[in-house]
Amino acid sequence: SDIHLGAGGPAAARAVEKRFVAWLDEVSRDADAVFILGDLFDFWFEYKRVVPKGFVRVLGKLCELTDRGIRVVFMTGNHDMWVRDYFEAECGVEVYTSPRIMELAGKRVFLAHGDNMKIDHLPVLRFMNAVFRSKTIRFLFSWLVHPDWAMRFGQWWSGKSRKSHLVSEMGDHITDPLIEYAREYAGAERPDYFIFGHMHQPRDYSEGNLRVLCLGEWHSDPVYAVIDSEGNASLKKY
């Protein structure tokens, strides 16, 4: 999760893209599936016939993986929630815009980007979430705003949002809301694992039969999760 393609200056953005493509190359040697848990892009707004330029290395690699029969799942995050059908139609990627429980290697796994968890006490954030996810607002934006202006605004807003949530400024307990959400989860059957992104802070948390894995980000110290063929989960650095 949290590759944030396009963030930073051109050189930094290109380096992150190449790093992620190299990782996709490496893990695809023995992976049955690859899951991207949101914020693949620092900003993505997809019009009916227009998508943001760039990212061709990653898009081409995703196509290569799906052409080889490797399942690729993209669960959108708060920076790239405005997808339409491009990834499914052109790249063969499964796209989900809300959390999902999936069975992987015999384990029930709760997968989510991790935004909008435990925000009942944050009315401003709830309001912004409702606005950004509104189909009406999205329709009006796509009809009234030229793509060039949309990309410029989106990149500015995404950069502002990302810089306001620096892990170093928020402390080591930034993932606590995700763990609290998992602890209170009222599913019919508790998943074996919860896996989240969003907070940019790797963490492997266990409490009784609760297991929560929080992923890192890709601009400084990439950390991802692996579920092996025996159903064992772990975090790994790249």
C-alpha atoms as a PDB file:
ATOM      1  CA  SER A   1       0.000   0.000   0.000  1.00  0.00           C
ATOM      2  CA  ASP A   2       0.850   3.697  -0.080  1.00  0.00           C
ATOM      3  CA  ILE A   3       3.192   3.827  -3.040  1.00  0.00           C
ATOM      4  CA  HIS A   4       1.899   7.341  -3.808  1.00  0.00           C
ATOM      5  CA  LEU A   5       3.071   7.336  -7.411  1.00  0.00           C
ATOM      6  CA  GLY A   6       3.633  10.880  -8.608  1.00  0.00           C
ATOM      7  CA  ALA A   7       4.458  12.329  -5.188  1.00  0.00           C
ATOM      8  CA  GLY A   8       7.574  14.423  -4.710  1.00  0.00           C
ATOM      9  CA  GLY A   9       9.785  15.827  -7.434  1.00  0.00           C
ATOM     10  CA  PRO A  10      10.193  14.123 -10.835  1.00  0.00           C
ATOM     11  CA  ALA A  11      13.386  12.282  -9.859  1.00  0.00           C
ATOM     12  CA  ALA A  12      11.959  10.992  -6.573  1.00  0.00           C
ATOM     13  CA  ALA A  13       8.688   9.975  -8.217  1.00  0.00           C
ATOM     14  CA  ARG A  14      10.528   8.077 -10.953  1.00  0.00           C
ATOM     15  CA  ALA A  15      12.715   6.300  -8.395  1.00  0.00           C
ATOM     16  CA  VAL A  16       9.674   5.129  -6.423  1.00  0.00           C
ATOM     17  CA  GLU A  17       7.972   3.905  -9.589  1.00  0.00           C
ATOM     18  CA  LYS A  18      11.044   1.904 -10.622  1.00  0.00           C
ATOM     19  CA  ARG A  19      11.388   0.483  -7.110  1.00  0.00           C
ATOM     20  CA  PHE A  20       7.782  -0.685  -7.105  1.00  0.00           C
ATOM     21  CA  VAL A  21       8.109  -2.239 -10.576  1.00  0.00           C
ATOM     22  CA  ALA A  22      11.235  -4.094  -9.416  1.00  0.00           C
ATOM     23  CA  TRP A  23       9.290  -5.385  -6.413  1.00  0.00           C
ATOM     24  CA  LEU A  24       6.437  -6.548  -8.646  1.00  0.00           C
ATOM     25  CA  ASP A  25       8.999  -8.366 -10.789  1.00  0.00           C
ATOM     26  CA  GLU A  26      10.499 -10.064  -7.760  1.00  0.00           C
ATOM     27  CA  VAL A  27       7.324 -11.180  -5.993  1.00  0.00           C
ATOM     28  CA  SER A  28       5.623 -12.314  -9.200  1.00  0.00           C
ATOM     29  CA  ARG A  29       8.092 -15.204  -9.470  1.00  0.00           C
ATOM     30  CA  ASP A  30       6.120 -17.223  -6.926  1.00  0.00           C
ATOM     31  CA  ALA A  31       2.998 -15.161  -6.118  1.00  0.00           C
ATOM     32  CA  ASP A  32      -0.508 -16.427  -6.772  1.00  0.00           C
ATOM     33  CA  ALA A  33      -1.915 -12.947  -6.175  1.00  0.00           C
ATOM     34  CA  VAL A  34      -0.814  -9.391  -5.478  1.00  0.00           C
ATOM     35  CA  PHE A  35      -2.969  -7.052  -3.388  1.00  0.00           C
ATOM     36  CA  ILE A  36      -2.504  -3.280  -3.443  1.00  0.00           C
ATOM     37  CA  LEU A  37      -4.283  -1.743  -0.462  1.00  0.00           C
ATOM     38  CA  GLY A  38      -4.801   1.794  -1.638  1.00  0.00           C
ATOM     39  CA  ASP A  39      -2.923   4.992  -2.449  1.00  0.00           C
ATOM     40  CA  LEU A  40      -1.125   3.409  -5.349  1.00  0.00           C
ATOM     41  CA  PHE A  41      -1.235   6.938  -6.757  1.00  0.00           C
ATOM     42  CA  ASP A  42      -0.775  10.206  -4.927  1.00  0.00           C
ATOM     43  CA  PHE A  43      -3.734  11.445  -6.937  1.00  0.00           C
ATOM     44  CA  TRP A  44      -5.941   9.723  -9.485  1.00  0.00           C
ATOM     45  CA  PHE A  45      -9.142  11.054 -10.986  1.00  0.00           C
ATOM     46  CA  GLU A  46     -10.540   9.062 -13.868  1.00  0.00           C
ATOM     47  CA  TYR A  47     -12.826  10.675 -16.412  1.00  0.00           C
ATOM     48  CA  LYS A  48     -14.956   8.545 -18.697  1.00  0.00           C
ATOM     49  CA  ARG A  49     -12.415   8.844 -21.531  1.00  0.00           C
ATOM     50  CA  VAL A  50      -9.404  10.451 -19.851  1.00  0.00           C
ATOM     51  CA  VAL A  51      -6.947   9.087 -17.279  1.00  0.00           C
ATOM     52  CA  PRO A  52      -3.883  10.795 -15.764  1.00  0.00           C
ATOM     53  CA  LYS A  53      -0.738  10.608 -17.876  1.00  0.00           C
ATOM     54  CA  GLY A  54       2.369   8.797 -16.668  1.00  0.00           C
ATOM     55  CA  PHE A  55       2.861   5.671 -14.558  1.00  0.00           C
ATOM     56  CA  VAL A  56       3.318   3.568 -17.706  1.00  0.00           C
ATOM     57  CA  ARG A  57       5.939   1.321 -16.101  1.00  0.00           C
ATOM     58  CA  VAL A  58       3.582   0.300 -13.316  1.00  0.00           C
ATOM     59  CA  LEU A  59       0.517   0.005 -15.536  1.00  0.00           C
ATOM     60  CA  GLY A  60       2.439  -2.104 -18.037  1.00  0.00           C
ATOM     61  CA  LYS A  61       3.749  -4.363 -15.275  1.00  0.00           C
ATOM     62  CA  LEU A  62       0.259  -4.866 -13.837  1.00  0.00           C
ATOM     63  CA  CYS A  63      -0.952  -5.851 -17.310  1.00  0.00           C
ATOM     64  CA  GLU A  64       1.960  -8.276 -17.620  1.00  0.00           C
ATOM     65  CA  LEU A  65       1.086  -9.922 -14.307  1.00  0.00           C
ATOM     66  CA  THR A  66      -2.581 -10.388 -15.136  1.00  0.00           C
ATOM     67  CA  ASP A  67      -1.681 -11.636 -18.628  1.00  0.00           C
ATOM     68  CA  ARG A  68       0.420 -14.310 -16.904  1.00  0.00           C
ATOM     69  CA  GLY A  69      -2.570 -15.364 -14.814  1.00  0.00           C
ATOM     70  CA  ILE A  70      -1.485 -13.689 -11.576  1.00  0.00           C
ATOM     71  CA  ARG A  71      -4.424 -12.192  -9.736  1.00  0.00           C
ATOM     72  CA  VAL A  72      -4.014  -8.469  -9.025  1.00  0.00           C
ATOM     73  CA  VAL A  73      -6.402  -6.760  -6.611  1.00  0.00           C
ATOM     74  CA  PHE A  74      -6.501  -2.991  -6.136  1.00  0.00           C
ATOM     75  CA  MET A  75      -8.388  -1.662  -3.120  1.00  0.00           C
ATOM     76  CA  THR A  76      -8.632   2.089  -3.485  1.00  0.00           C
ATOM     77  CA  GLY A  77      -7.423   4.536  -0.848  1.00  0.00           C
ATOM     78  CA  ASN A  78      -8.235   8.122   0.011  1.00  0.00           C
ATOM     79  CA  HIS A  79      -5.836   9.405  -2.687  1.00  0.00           C
ATOM     80  CA  ASP A  80      -7.130   7.249  -5.553  1.00  0.00           C
ATOM     81  CA  MET A  81     -10.782   6.530  -4.782  1.00  0.00           C
ATOM     82  CA  TRP A  82     -12.010   8.180  -8.001  1.00  0.00           C
ATOM     83  CA  VAL A  83     -11.543   5.200 -10.301  1.00  0.00           C
ATOM     84  CA  ARG A  84     -13.946   4.065 -12.980  1.00  0.00           C
ATOM     85  CA  ASP A  85     -13.377   1.010 -15.195  1.00  0.00           C
ATOM     86  CA  TYR A  86      -9.892   1.637 -16.608  1.00  0.00           C
ATOM     87  CA  PHE A  87      -7.985  -0.803 -14.398  1.00  0.00           C
ATOM     88  CA  GLU A  88     -10.455  -3.617 -14.905  1.00  0.00           C
ATOM     89  CA  ALA A  89     -10.960  -3.091 -18.639  1.00  0.00           C
ATOM     90  CA  GLU A  90      -7.368  -2.329 -19.656  1.00  0.00           C
ATOM     91  CA  CYS A  91      -5.232  -4.039 -17.017  1.00  0.00           C
ATOM     92  CA  GLY A  92      -7.373  -6.967 -15.868  1.00  0.00           C
ATOM     93  CA  VAL A  93      -7.136  -5.755 -12.266  1.00  0.00           C
ATOM     94  CA  GLU A  94      -9.898  -6.392  -9.717  1.00  0.00           C
ATOM     95  CA  VAL A  95     -10.946  -3.105  -8.109  1.00  0.00           C
ATOM     96  CA  TYR A  96     -12.741  -2.651  -4.783  1.00  0.00           C
ATOM     97  CA  THR A  97     -13.697   0.667  -3.220  1.00  0.00           C
ATOM     98  CA  SER A  98     -14.567  -0.633   0.247  1.00  0.00           C
ATOM     99  CA  PRO A  99     -13.111  -3.173   2.716  1.00  0.00           C
ATOM    100  CA  ARG A 100     -13.415  -6.852   1.892  1.00  0.00           C
ATOM    101  CA  ILE A 101     -12.972 -10.176   3.656  1.00  0.00           C
ATOM    102  CA  MET A 102     -11.305 -12.721   1.400  1.00  0.00           C
ATOM    103  CA  GLU A 103     -10.140 -16.264   1.969  1.00  0.00           C
ATOM    104  CA  LEU A 104      -6.421 -16.553   1.261  1.00  0.00           C
ATOM    105  CA  ALA A 105      -4.467 -19.755   1.853  1.00  0.00           C
ATOM    106  CA  GLY A 106      -7.284 -21.045   4.050  1.00  0.00           C
ATOM    107  CA  LYS A 107      -7.412 -17.902   6.202  1.00  0.00           C
ATOM    108  CA  ARG A 108     -10.109 -15.255   6.424  1.00  0.00           C
ATOM    109  CA  VAL A 109      -8.389 -11.939   5.799  1.00  0.00           C
ATOM    110  CA  PHE A 110      -9.930  -8.486   6.292  1.00  0.00           C
ATOM    111  CA  LEU A 111      -8.383  -6.135   3.729  1.00  0.00           C
ATOM    112  CA  ALA A 112      -8.785  -2.354   3.716  1.00  0.00           C
ATOM    113  CA  HIS A 113      -6.809   0.762   2.985  1.00  0.00           C
ATOM    114  CA  GLY A 114      -7.490   1.963   6.513  1.00  0.00           C
ATOM    115  CA  ASP A 115      -8.944   5.434   6.044  1.00  0.00           C
ATOM    116  CA  ASN A 116     -12.262   6.259   7.696  1.00  0.00           C
ATOM    117  CA  MET A 117     -11.732   3.807  10.533  1.00  0.00           C
ATOM    118  CA  LYS A 118     -12.804   5.081  13.964  1.00  0.00           C
ATOM    119  CA  ILE A 119     -13.692   8.610  12.812  1.00  0.00           C
ATOM    120  CA  ASP A 120     -17.058   8.993  14.577  1.00  0.00           C
ATOM    121  CA  HIS A 121     -15.526  11.654  16.835  1.00  0.00           C
ATOM    122  CA  LEU A 122     -14.096  13.630  13.891  1.00  0.00           C
ATOM    123  CA  PRO A 123     -17.004  15.515  12.248  1.00  0.00           C
ATOM    124  CA  VAL A 124     -14.814  17.479   9.822  1.00  0.00           C
ATOM    125  CA  LEU A 125     -13.212  14.297   8.522  1.00  0.00           C
ATOM    126  CA  ARG A 126     -16.622  12.614   8.225  1.00  0.00           C
ATOM    127  CA  PHE A 127     -17.922  15.586   6.230  1.00  0.00           C
ATOM    128  CA  MET A 128     -14.908  15.613   3.901  1.00  0.00           C
ATOM    129  CA  ASN A 129     -15.267  11.882   3.363  1.00  0.00           C
ATOM    130  CA  ALA A 130     -18.938  12.288   2.434  1.00  0.00           C
ATOM    131  CA  VAL A 131     -18.089  15.063  -0.029  1.00  0.00           C
ATOM    132  CA  PHE A 132     -15.207  13.249  -1.693  1.00  0.00           C
ATOM    133  CA  ARG A 133     -17.198  10.034  -2.062  1.00  0.00           C
ATOM    134  CA  SER A 134     -20.376  11.719  -3.284  1.00  0.00           C
ATOM    135  CA  LYS A 135     -21.397  10.503  -6.742  1.00  0.00           C
ATOM    136  CA  THR A 136     -23.078  13.842  -7.393  1.00  0.00           C
ATOM    137  CA  ILE A 137     -19.945  15.842  -6.557  1.00  0.00           C
ATOM    138  CA  ARG A 138     -17.847  13.512  -8.653  1.00  0.00           C
ATOM    139  CA  PHE A 139     -20.213  13.875 -11.626  1.00  0.00           C
ATOM    140  CA  LEU A 140     -20.214  17.671 -11.379  1.00  0.00           C
ATOM    141  CA  PHE A 141     -16.434  17.781 -10.999  1.00  0.00           C
ATOM    142  CA  SER A 142     -15.902  15.604 -14.070  1.00  0.00           C
ATOM    143  CA  TRP A 143     -18.249  17.732 -16.185  1.00  0.00           C
ATOM    144  CA  LEU A 144     -17.223  21.184 -14.986  1.00  0.00           C
ATOM    145  CA  VAL A 145     -13.471  20.889 -14.397  1.00  0.00           C
ATOM    146  CA  HIS A 146     -10.998  20.467 -17.258  1.00  0.00           C
ATOM    147  CA  PRO A 147      -8.610  17.532 -16.670  1.00  0.00           C
ATOM    148  CA  ASP A 148      -5.554  19.824 -16.581  1.00  0.00           C
ATOM    149  CA  TRP A 149      -7.087  21.861 -13.766  1.00  0.00           C
ATOM    150  CA  ALA A 150      -8.359  18.730 -12.025  1.00  0.00           C
ATOM    151  CA  MET A 151      -4.880  17.182 -11.966  1.00  0.00           C
ATOM    152  CA  ARG A 152      -3.287  20.411 -10.743  1.00  0.00           C
ATOM    153  CA  PHE A 153      -5.811  20.779  -7.936  1.00  0.00           C
ATOM    154  CA  GLY A 154      -5.644  17.091  -7.024  1.00  0.00           C
ATOM    155  CA  GLN A 155      -1.859  17.047  -6.831  1.00  0.00           C
ATOM    156  CA  TRP A 156      -1.863  20.143  -4.631  1.00  0.00           C
ATOM    157  CA  TRP A 157      -4.545  18.729  -2.329  1.00  0.00           C
ATOM    158  CA  SER A 158      -2.917  15.304  -2.103  1.00  0.00           C
ATOM    159  CA  GLY A 159       0.444  16.803  -1.233  1.00  0.00           C
ATOM    160  CA  LYS A 160      -1.156  18.978   1.437  1.00  0.00           C
ATOM    161  CA  SER A 161      -3.017  15.991   2.896  1.00  0.00           C
ATOM    162  CA  ARG A 162       0.046  13.741   2.895  1.00  0.00           C
ATOM    163  CA  LYS A 163       2.274  16.325   4.586  1.00  0.00           C
ATOM    164  CA  SER A 164      -0.325  16.925   7.308  1.00  0.00           C
ATOM    165  CA  HIS A 165      -0.141  13.275   8.398  1.00  0.00           C
ATOM    166  CA  LEU A 166       3.591  12.720   8.774  1.00  0.00           C
ATOM    167  CA  VAL A 167       4.250   9.726  11.030  1.00  0.00           C
ATOM    168  CA  SER A 168       7.159  11.477  12.738  1.00  0.00           C
ATOM    169  CA  GLU A 169       4.813  14.214  13.933  1.00  0.00           C
ATOM    170  CA  MET A 170       1.996  11.943  15.107  1.00  0.00           C
ATOM    171  CA  GLY A 171       3.904   9.431  17.215  1.00  0.00           C
ATOM    172  CA  ASP A 172       4.298   5.677  17.294  1.00  0.00           C
ATOM    173  CA  HIS A 173       0.636   5.061  18.139  1.00  0.00           C
ATOM    174  CA  ILE A 174      -0.718   6.351  14.842  1.00  0.00           C
ATOM    175  CA  THR A 175      -2.001   2.838  14.046  1.00  0.00           C
ATOM    176  CA  ASP A 176      -3.974   2.524  17.298  1.00  0.00           C
ATOM    177  CA  PRO A 177      -7.312   3.465  15.639  1.00  0.00           C
ATOM    178  CA  LEU A 178      -6.883   0.592  13.180  1.00  0.00           C
ATOM    179  CA  ILE A 179      -6.191  -1.854  15.979  1.00  0.00           C
ATOM    180  CA  GLU A 180      -9.177  -0.529  17.924  1.00  0.00           C
ATOM    181  CA  TYR A 181     -11.371  -0.945  14.842  1.00  0.00           C
ATOM    182  CA  ALA A 182     -10.213  -4.553  14.455  1.00  0.00           C
ATOM    183  CA  ARG A 183     -10.773  -5.197  18.150  1.00  0.00           C
ATOM    184  CA  GLU A 184     -14.375  -3.961  17.924  1.00  0.00           C
ATOM    185  CA  TYR A 185     -15.148  -5.520  14.555  1.00  0.00           C
ATOM    186  CA  ALA A 186     -18.583  -7.115  14.672  1.00  0.00           C
ATOM    187  CA  GLY A 187     -18.355  -9.558  11.801  1.00  0.00           C
ATOM    188  CA  ALA A 188     -20.195 -12.870  11.885  1.00  0.00           C
ATOM    189  CA  GLU A 189     -16.838 -14.592  12.267  1.00  0.00           C
ATOM    190  CA  ARG A 190     -13.682 -12.765  13.276  1.00  0.00           C
ATOM    191  CA  PRO A 191     -11.109 -12.774  10.473  1.00  0.00           C
ATOM    192  CA  ASP A 192      -7.792 -14.494  11.095  1.00  0.00           C
ATOM    193  CA  TYR A 193      -5.927 -11.380   9.974  1.00  0.00           C
ATOM    194  CA  PHE A 194      -6.654  -7.684   9.512  1.00  0.00           C
ATOM    195  CA  ILE A 195      -4.354  -5.940   7.034  1.00  0.00           C
ATOM    196  CA  PHE A 196      -4.354  -2.153   6.654  1.00  0.00           C
ATOM    197  CA  GLY A 197      -2.340   0.556   4.939  1.00  0.00           C
ATOM    198  CA  HIS A 198      -2.931   4.321   5.159  1.00  0.00           C
ATOM    199  CA  MET A 199      -0.941   5.195   8.286  1.00  0.00           C
ATOM    200  CA  HIS A 200       2.527   4.676   6.730  1.00  0.00           C
ATOM    201  CA  GLN A 201       3.649   2.984   9.949  1.00  0.00           C
ATOM    202  CA  PRO A 202       4.503  -0.749   9.839  1.00  0.00           C
ATOM    203  CA  ARG A 203       3.190  -2.719  12.794  1.00  0.00           C
ATOM    204  CA  ASP A 204       2.503  -6.375  13.546  1.00  0.00           C
ATOM    205  CA  TYR A 205       0.108  -6.521  16.479  1.00  0.00           C
ATOM    206  CA  SER A 206      -1.178  -9.611  18.280  1.00  0.00           C
ATOM    207  CA  GLU A 207      -3.631  -9.814  21.167  1.00  0.00           C
ATOM    208  CA  GLY A 208      -5.215 -13.172  21.943  1.00  0.00           C
ATOM    209  CA  ASN A 209      -6.715 -14.339  18.660  1.00  0.00           C
ATOM    210  CA  LEU A 210      -6.479 -10.836  17.156  1.00  0.00           C
ATOM    211  CA  ARG A 211      -3.763 -10.213  14.552  1.00  0.00           C
ATOM    212  CA  VAL A 212      -3.370  -6.849  12.828  1.00  0.00           C
ATOM    213  CA  LEU A 213      -0.728  -6.070  10.217  1.00  0.00           C
ATOM    214  CA  CYS A 214      -0.173  -2.441   9.213  1.00  0.00           C
ATOM    215  CA  LEU A 215       1.846  -1.766   6.087  1.00  0.00           C
ATOM    216  CA  GLY A 216       4.495   0.867   5.397  1.00  0.00           C
ATOM    217  CA  GLU A 217       4.939   3.391   2.594  1.00  0.00           C
ATOM    218  CA  TRP A 218       7.296   3.313  -0.378  1.00  0.00           C
ATOM    219  CA  HIS A 219       9.123   6.642  -0.312  1.00  0.00           C
ATOM    220  CA  SER A 220      11.505   5.782   2.528  1.00  0.00           C
ATOM    221  CA  ASP A 221      11.240   2.258   3.962  1.00  0.00           C
ATOM    222  CA  PRO A 222       8.900  -0.076   2.028  1.00  0.00           C
ATOM    223  CA  VAL A 223       7.229  -2.750   4.147  1.00  0.00           C
ATOM    224  CA  TYR A 224       4.700  -5.225   2.763  1.00  0.00           C
ATOM    225  CA  ALA A 225       2.814  -8.278   4.015  1.00  0.00           C
ATOM    226  CA  VAL A 226       3.101 -11.865   2.834  1.00  0.00           C
ATOM    227  CA  ILE A 227       0.689 -14.736   3.395  1.00  0.00           C
ATOM    228  CA  ASP A 228       2.440 -17.967   2.486  1.00  0.00           C
ATOM    229  CA  SER A 229       0.922 -21.205   1.220  1.00  0.00           C
ATOM    230  CA  GLU A 230       0.473 -22.434   4.808  1.00  0.00           C
ATOM    231  CA  GLY A 231      -1.538 -19.357   5.742  1.00  0.00           C
ATOM    232  CA  ASN A 232       1.197 -17.756   7.840  1.00  0.00           C
ATOM    233  CA  ALA A 233       1.303 -13.948   7.695  1.00  0.00           C
ATOM    234  CA  SER A 234       4.340 -11.729   8.167  1.00  0.00           C
ATOM    235  CA  LEU A 235       5.712  -8.287   7.352  1.00  0.00           C
ATOM    236  CA  LYS A 236       8.774  -7.960   5.143  1.00  0.00           C
ATOM    237  CA  LYS A 237      11.031  -5.058   4.187  1.00  0.00           C
ATOM    238  CA  TYR A 238      12.033  -4.368   0.615  1.00  0.00           C
END
